[in-house]
């Protein structure tokens, strides 16, 4: 009997091809120990082993087979587990075990350059106080310090205001407070308060001027006429001049009657009063005239005039007679169609039909 050739498994292990050691020691019935040599190599053993020895040999063979089979199955399970683990890690962007993971560099956040706001050029055409408010807003948006504000203000001067730079020294040109003081003296409203007060007193609403525009102009003149005054004083002056200089007399009375405390309330009251006056004027113009109860709405023509008027003939359109009395009337018989007689006087009428 030939031995089976060895088998190479998928894992690379070799199974079979060798005969296990079948030598076994057993005791006889008389107590003597006997060692049986390799039974598989001897085709014809000289001494047949007892049944107990055969049973032990089979048990050893089954144990060896069970051990080798368990080892094979355990190896295959281990290989499948490693394959599944590596595939799962690759899908999850992990590197296979046991390689160290590669740390991806984090992208740096983009830093956008902050936009700079540029102030408008100043030529002295408007009051310095108004331009200074605009310039301070731009400086706060750009986060300028005192030196940067001075340099930006000096570079914004144009036209007549350039003469201010020639009057200041090299250091004073860069000082914002010094520049502001000089510009306030030459182009500010402090030295023109009396002029603005005269304009405010002579200001009237124009015929085509809107009430809201007129109110804003009054506010501007009041603020410039009282430089440095409190807000309450400016409001009192503005409300008084606005109410007294409205164009429509009826609107002016209604605004004064409402007694507004602020200029916004006075403008709102004037707009509502103007709308009410226009609606009332339109309703009066579309209304029909009303007559007294003693007189009819439409006086009737006297009956005597109709009765005393001369008659008019409908046949000849003549005056002084009617159609029955018209001289041009011709009597025609309806039976014979001959003129000069009627149906009753017709000569062709039979005696039996009379």
Protein backbone atom coordinates (compact mmCIF):
# COMPACT_ATOMS: atom_id res chain seq x y z
CA UNK A 1 0.00 0.00 0.00
CA UNK A 2 1.54 3.34 -1.15
CA UNK A 3 1.49 6.51 1.01
CA UNK A 4 -0.57 9.48 -0.15
CA UNK A 5 1.50 12.42 -1.45
CA UNK A 6 1.72 15.56 0.72
CA UNK A 7 -0.90 18.35 0.11
CA UNK A 8 -0.03 22.07 0.09
CA UNK A 9 -2.84 24.15 1.59
CA UNK A 10 -3.78 27.75 0.57
CA UNK A 11 -1.96 29.10 3.57
CA UNK A 12 1.29 27.48 2.40
CA UNK A 13 1.30 24.76 4.98
CA UNK A 14 2.02 21.12 3.98
CA UNK A 15 -0.43 18.54 5.21
CA UNK A 16 0.17 14.75 4.96
CA UNK A 17 3.07 12.81 3.39
CA UNK A 18 4.49 11.45 6.65
CA UNK A 19 3.45 8.53 8.72
CA UNK A 20 2.81 9.26 12.34
CA UNK A 21 4.71 7.44 15.01
CA UNK A 22 2.58 4.45 15.82
CA UNK A 23 4.79 3.00 18.45
CA UNK A 24 2.87 2.52 21.58
CA UNK A 25 3.50 0.82 24.85
CA UNK A 26 0.80 -1.20 26.53
CA UNK A 27 0.58 -3.76 29.30
CA UNK A 28 -0.49 -7.31 28.85
CA UNK A 29 -2.92 -9.19 31.02
CA UNK A 30 -0.12 -10.68 33.02
CA UNK A 31 1.29 -7.23 33.85
CA UNK A 32 4.26 -7.23 31.47
CA UNK A 33 4.81 -4.03 29.33
CA UNK A 34 5.28 -4.47 25.60
CA UNK A 35 6.26 -1.82 23.02
CA UNK A 36 4.73 -2.18 19.55
CA UNK A 37 6.78 -0.79 16.66
CA UNK A 38 5.42 1.19 13.72
CA UNK A 39 2.53 -0.86 12.51
CA UNK A 40 1.97 1.16 9.33
CA UNK A 41 5.48 0.46 7.98
CA UNK A 42 5.25 -3.24 8.44
CA UNK A 43 2.83 -4.78 5.99
CA UNK A 44 2.77 -8.01 7.85
CA UNK A 45 3.39 -7.57 11.54
CA UNK A 46 4.87 -10.57 13.19
CA UNK A 47 2.79 -10.19 16.35
CA UNK A 48 -0.76 -8.87 16.19
CA UNK A 49 -1.35 -6.25 18.84
CA UNK A 50 -4.07 -6.83 21.30
CA UNK A 51 -7.39 -4.94 20.96
CA UNK A 52 -6.49 -2.50 23.70
CA UNK A 53 -3.33 -1.46 21.82
CA UNK A 54 -5.26 -0.97 18.58
CA UNK A 55 -7.82 1.18 20.31
CA UNK A 56 -5.06 3.36 21.80
CA UNK A 57 -3.39 3.69 18.39
CA UNK A 58 -6.65 4.84 16.77
CA UNK A 59 -7.17 7.31 19.60
CA UNK A 60 -3.71 8.77 19.04
CA UNK A 61 -4.32 9.06 15.29
CA UNK A 62 -7.62 10.85 15.82
CA UNK A 63 -6.00 13.24 18.32
CA UNK A 64 -3.21 14.08 15.85
CA UNK A 65 -5.71 14.61 13.04
CA UNK A 66 -7.89 16.79 15.24
CA UNK A 67 -4.89 18.89 16.27
CA UNK A 68 -3.67 19.42 12.71
CA UNK A 69 -7.20 20.23 11.47
CA UNK A 70 -7.74 22.76 14.26
CA UNK A 71 -4.41 24.41 13.49
CA UNK A 72 -5.31 24.64 9.76
CA UNK A 73 -8.74 26.11 10.41
CA UNK A 74 -7.34 28.59 12.93
CA UNK A 75 -4.74 29.76 10.41
CA UNK A 76 -7.35 30.26 7.69
CA UNK A 77 -9.58 32.25 10.04
CA UNK A 78 -6.63 34.41 11.02
CA UNK A 79 -5.80 35.14 7.38
CA UNK A 80 -9.42 36.06 6.58
CA UNK A 81 -9.55 38.35 9.60
CA UNK A 82 -6.35 40.17 8.55
CA UNK A 83 -7.63 40.58 4.97
CA UNK A 84 -10.95 42.04 6.15
CA UNK A 85 -9.21 44.35 8.63
CA UNK A 86 -6.82 45.72 6.00
CA UNK A 87 -9.64 46.27 3.51
CA UNK A 88 -11.75 48.09 6.10
CA UNK A 89 -8.87 50.37 7.07
CA UNK A 90 -8.17 51.21 3.45
CA UNK A 91 -11.80 52.18 2.92
CA UNK A 92 -11.70 54.40 6.00
CA UNK A 93 -8.55 56.13 4.74
CA UNK A 94 -6.44 54.34 7.31
CA UNK A 95 -3.11 52.84 6.54
CA UNK A 96 -2.78 49.06 6.90
CA UNK A 97 -1.67 47.73 10.22
CA UNK A 98 1.03 47.96 11.55
CA UNK A 99 2.23 50.98 9.53
CA UNK A 100 2.12 54.32 11.33
CA UNK A 101 -0.63 56.69 10.22
CA UNK A 102 0.43 59.64 8.06
CA UNK A 103 -0.61 62.98 9.51
CA UNK A 104 -2.07 65.20 6.81
CA UNK A 105 -1.03 68.86 7.08
CA UNK A 106 -3.90 71.19 7.92
CA UNK A 107 -4.47 74.00 5.39
CA UNK A 108 -3.79 77.45 6.73
CA UNK A 109 -6.80 79.78 6.93
CA UNK A 110 -6.92 82.48 4.31
CA UNK A 111 -6.36 85.96 5.67
CA UNK A 112 -8.13 88.62 3.63
CA UNK A 113 -6.69 92.08 3.56
CA UNK A 114 -8.95 94.61 5.25
CA UNK A 115 -10.33 97.23 2.89
CA UNK A 116 -9.49 100.83 3.69
CA UNK A 117 -12.13 103.56 3.48
CA UNK A 118 -11.02 106.81 1.92
CA UNK A 119 -12.44 110.14 3.17
CA UNK A 120 -13.90 112.63 0.70
CA UNK A 121 -11.77 115.64 -0.27
CA UNK A 122 -12.51 118.86 1.63
CA UNK A 123 -12.44 122.21 -0.18
CA UNK A 124 -14.29 124.39 2.36
CA UNK A 125 -17.60 124.50 0.45
CA UNK A 126 -19.41 122.97 3.42
CA UNK A 127 -19.05 123.70 7.12
CA UNK A 128 -16.05 122.12 8.83
CA UNK A 129 -18.29 120.63 11.57
CA UNK A 130 -20.24 118.62 8.98
CA UNK A 131 -17.10 117.34 7.27
CA UNK A 132 -15.47 116.46 10.59
CA UNK A 133 -18.31 114.04 11.44
CA UNK A 134 -17.76 112.26 8.13
CA UNK A 135 -13.99 112.14 8.64
CA UNK A 136 -14.28 110.72 12.17
CA UNK A 137 -16.53 107.91 10.93
CA UNK A 138 -13.98 106.96 8.25
CA UNK A 139 -11.12 107.11 10.79
CA UNK A 140 -12.98 104.82 13.20
CA UNK A 141 -13.71 102.32 10.41
CA UNK A 142 -10.03 102.19 9.46
CA UNK A 143 -8.85 102.10 13.11
CA UNK A 144 -6.52 105.10 12.66
CA UNK A 145 -4.59 106.63 15.52
CA UNK A 146 -4.02 110.39 16.02
CA UNK A 147 -0.98 110.53 13.72
CA UNK A 148 -2.70 108.61 10.91
CA UNK A 149 -5.77 110.84 11.22
CA UNK A 150 -3.59 113.93 10.87
CA UNK A 151 -1.84 112.59 7.77
CA UNK A 152 -5.13 111.51 6.17
CA UNK A 153 -6.75 114.91 6.86
CA UNK A 154 -3.78 116.80 5.43
CA UNK A 155 -3.92 114.68 2.25
CA UNK A 156 -7.69 115.29 1.90
CA UNK A 157 -7.44 119.09 1.78
CA UNK A 158 -7.95 120.66 -1.64
CA UNK A 159 -8.77 124.03 -3.15
CA UNK A 160 -8.96 126.98 -0.71
CA UNK A 161 -8.18 124.76 2.29
CA UNK A 162 -4.65 124.09 1.05
CA UNK A 163 -3.61 127.49 2.40
CA UNK A 164 -3.97 126.06 5.92
CA UNK A 165 -0.98 123.76 5.39
CA UNK A 166 1.26 126.67 4.50
CA UNK A 167 0.42 128.39 7.80
CA UNK A 168 1.42 125.40 9.96
CA UNK A 169 4.79 123.95 10.76
CA UNK A 170 6.11 120.56 9.76
CA UNK A 171 4.99 118.89 12.99
CA UNK A 172 1.63 120.71 13.21
CA UNK A 173 0.65 119.51 9.74
CA UNK A 174 0.51 115.96 11.09
CA UNK A 175 -1.43 116.88 14.26
CA UNK A 176 -5.15 116.24 13.76
CA UNK A 177 -6.28 118.43 16.65
CA UNK A 178 -4.21 121.41 15.45
CA UNK A 179 -5.49 121.06 11.91
CA UNK A 180 -9.07 120.77 13.18
CA UNK A 181 -8.77 123.97 15.23
CA UNK A 182 -7.41 126.00 12.29
CA UNK A 183 -10.05 124.67 9.89
CA UNK A 184 -12.80 125.38 12.43
CA UNK A 185 -11.70 129.01 12.73
CA UNK A 186 -11.57 129.63 8.97
CA UNK A 187 -14.30 127.34 7.64
CA UNK A 188 -16.44 126.57 10.70
CA UNK A 189 -19.86 127.91 11.67
CA UNK A 190 -18.69 129.60 14.87
CA UNK A 191 -17.82 132.88 13.15
CA UNK A 192 -20.96 132.84 10.97
CA UNK A 193 -23.63 132.41 13.66
CA UNK A 194 -25.18 135.86 13.11
CA UNK A 195 -25.36 135.31 9.36
CA UNK A 196 -27.19 131.99 9.85
CA UNK A 197 -29.55 133.61 12.36
CA UNK A 198 -30.52 136.27 9.82
CA UNK A 199 -31.12 133.59 7.19
CA UNK A 200 -33.27 131.64 9.64
CA UNK A 201 -35.49 134.64 10.44
CA UNK A 202 -36.03 135.47 6.77
CA UNK A 203 -36.62 131.87 5.67
CA UNK A 204 -40.13 131.19 4.31
CA UNK A 205 -41.65 128.17 2.66
CA UNK A 206 -41.66 128.50 -1.11
CA UNK A 207 -44.87 127.79 -3.08
CA UNK A 208 -43.55 124.52 -4.61
CA UNK A 209 -41.37 123.47 -1.66
CA UNK A 210 -42.18 120.29 0.24
CA UNK A 211 -42.88 120.59 3.96
CA UNK A 212 -40.30 117.93 4.90
CA UNK A 213 -37.55 119.68 2.90
CA UNK A 214 -38.48 123.01 4.47
CA UNK A 215 -38.27 121.45 7.95
CA UNK A 216 -34.81 120.01 7.33
CA UNK A 217 -33.56 123.39 6.11
CA UNK A 218 -34.94 125.05 9.26
CA UNK A 219 -33.14 122.45 11.42
CA UNK A 220 -29.83 123.03 9.65
CA UNK A 221 -30.05 126.83 9.99
CA UNK A 222 -31.09 126.58 13.66
CA UNK A 223 -28.12 124.37 14.52
CA UNK A 224 -25.71 126.71 12.77
CA UNK A 225 -27.30 129.84 14.26
CA UNK A 226 -26.75 128.51 17.81
CA UNK A 227 -23.32 126.83 17.81
CA UNK A 228 -22.54 125.15 21.10
CA UNK A 229 -26.12 125.43 22.37
CA UNK A 230 -27.99 122.48 23.87
CA UNK A 231 -30.29 120.30 21.82
CA UNK A 232 -33.38 121.60 23.64
CA UNK A 233 -32.61 125.22 22.73
CA UNK A 234 -32.07 124.31 19.08
CA UNK A 235 -35.36 122.36 19.01
CA UNK A 236 -37.35 125.27 20.50
CA UNK A 237 -35.96 127.71 17.93
CA UNK A 238 -36.53 125.31 15.03
CA UNK A 239 -40.14 124.52 16.01
CA UNK A 240 -40.98 128.20 16.39
CA UNK A 241 -39.53 129.24 13.03
CA UNK A 242 -41.05 126.27 11.24
CA UNK A 243 -44.58 126.84 12.56
CA UNK A 244 -44.58 130.58 11.86
CA UNK A 245 -43.20 130.42 8.30
CA UNK A 246 -45.47 127.81 6.72
CA UNK A 247 -47.06 128.93 3.46
CA UNK A 248 -50.65 127.75 3.97
CA UNK A 249 -52.45 129.78 6.62
CA UNK A 250 -54.84 126.98 7.59
CA UNK A 251 -51.96 124.48 7.94
CA UNK A 252 -50.04 127.00 10.03
CA UNK A 253 -52.98 127.37 12.42
CA UNK A 254 -53.41 123.61 12.80
CA UNK A 255 -49.70 123.10 13.54
CA UNK A 256 -49.70 125.83 16.18
CA UNK A 257 -52.86 124.35 17.69
CA UNK A 258 -51.17 120.92 18.08
CA UNK A 259 -48.29 122.53 20.10
CA UNK A 260 -45.46 120.16 18.99
CA UNK A 261 -42.46 119.73 21.28
CA UNK A 262 -39.93 118.66 18.65
CA UNK A 263 -39.33 119.50 15.02
CA UNK A 264 -40.16 115.94 13.93
CA UNK A 265 -43.58 116.23 15.59
CA UNK A 266 -44.13 119.62 13.93
CA UNK A 267 -43.26 118.25 10.46
CA UNK A 268 -45.56 115.25 10.96
CA UNK A 269 -48.42 117.50 12.12
CA UNK A 270 -47.90 119.83 9.15
CA UNK A 271 -48.02 116.95 6.66
CA UNK A 272 -51.23 115.58 8.16
CA UNK A 273 -52.82 119.06 8.26
CA UNK A 274 -51.90 119.73 4.64
CA UNK A 275 -53.46 116.43 3.56
CA UNK A 276 -56.67 117.19 5.50
CA UNK A 277 -56.92 120.70 4.02
CA UNK A 278 -56.49 119.39 0.48
CA UNK A 279 -59.16 116.71 1.01
CA UNK A 280 -61.59 119.27 2.41
CA UNK A 281 -60.98 121.66 -0.48
CA UNK A 282 -61.55 118.89 -3.02
CA UNK A 283 -64.81 117.79 -1.42
CA UNK A 284 -66.16 121.37 -1.41
CA UNK A 285 -65.36 121.94 -5.08
CA UNK A 286 -67.19 118.76 -6.14
CA UNK A 287 -70.34 119.50 -4.08
CA UNK A 288 -73.54 120.71 -5.91
CA UNK A 289 -74.94 124.10 -4.91
CA UNK A 290 -77.71 124.05 -2.27
CA UNK A 291 -80.72 126.39 -2.72
CA UNK A 292 -82.92 127.64 0.09
CA UNK A 293 -86.05 125.60 0.93
CA UNK A 294 -88.40 128.42 -0.24
CA UNK A 295 -87.03 128.32 -3.80
CA UNK A 296 -87.08 125.31 -6.15
CA UNK A 297 -83.82 123.82 -7.30
CA UNK A 298 -84.66 124.60 -10.92
CA UNK A 299 -87.19 127.48 -11.36
CA UNK A 300 -90.06 126.44 -13.66
CA UNK A 301 -91.30 128.57 -16.53
CA UNK A 302 -94.61 130.32 -15.74
CA UNK A 303 -97.68 128.65 -17.24
CA UNK A 304 -99.09 131.95 -18.44
CA UNK A 305 -96.21 132.32 -20.83
CA UNK A 306 -96.99 128.92 -22.37
CA UNK A 307 -100.76 129.65 -22.69
CA UNK A 308 -100.34 133.13 -24.18
CA UNK A 309 -97.85 131.98 -26.80
CA UNK A 310 -99.18 131.85 -30.42
CA UNK A 311 -100.27 128.46 -31.82
CA UNK A 312 -98.14 126.73 -34.45
CA UNK A 313 -99.55 124.51 -37.18
CA UNK A 314 -97.86 121.15 -37.64
CA UNK A 315 -98.98 120.95 -41.31
CA UNK A 316 -97.80 124.25 -42.76
CA UNK A 317 -95.64 125.45 -39.81
CA UNK A 318 -97.67 128.63 -39.78
CA UNK A 319 -98.48 130.75 -36.72
CA UNK A 320 -101.93 131.64 -35.32
CA UNK A 321 -103.79 128.39 -36.09
CA UNK A 322 -103.61 124.66 -35.43
CA UNK A 323 -103.57 121.70 -37.77
CA UNK A 324 -107.38 121.34 -37.62
CA UNK A 325 -107.84 124.96 -38.69
CA UNK A 326 -105.11 124.94 -41.35
CA UNK A 327 -106.39 126.53 -44.61
CA UNK A 328 -104.24 124.19 -46.67
CA UNK A 329 -106.14 121.22 -45.38
CA UNK A 330 -107.77 119.13 -48.22
CA UNK A 331 -110.51 116.56 -47.48
CA UNK A 332 -110.06 113.30 -49.44
CA UNK A 333 -112.57 110.45 -49.53
CA UNK A 334 -111.30 107.14 -48.34
CA UNK A 335 -113.71 105.23 -50.67
CA UNK A 336 -113.19 106.84 -54.05
CA UNK A 337 -110.01 108.79 -53.32
CA UNK A 338 -111.62 111.97 -54.67
CA UNK A 339 -111.12 115.33 -52.99
CA UNK A 340 -113.90 117.57 -51.79
CA UNK A 341 -115.94 115.11 -49.71
CA UNK A 342 -115.56 112.55 -46.98
CA UNK A 343 -116.44 108.90 -46.63
CA UNK A 344 -119.99 109.57 -45.40
CA UNK A 345 -120.73 111.96 -48.27
CA UNK A 346 -119.26 109.80 -51.02
CA UNK A 347 -121.70 109.66 -54.04
CA UNK A 348 -120.56 106.14 -54.87
CA UNK A 349 -121.93 104.84 -51.63
CA UNK A 350 -124.88 102.47 -52.24
CA UNK A 351 -128.23 103.18 -50.74
CA UNK A 352 -128.37 99.76 -49.12
CA UNK A 353 -125.24 100.40 -47.07
CA UNK A 354 -126.40 103.66 -45.61
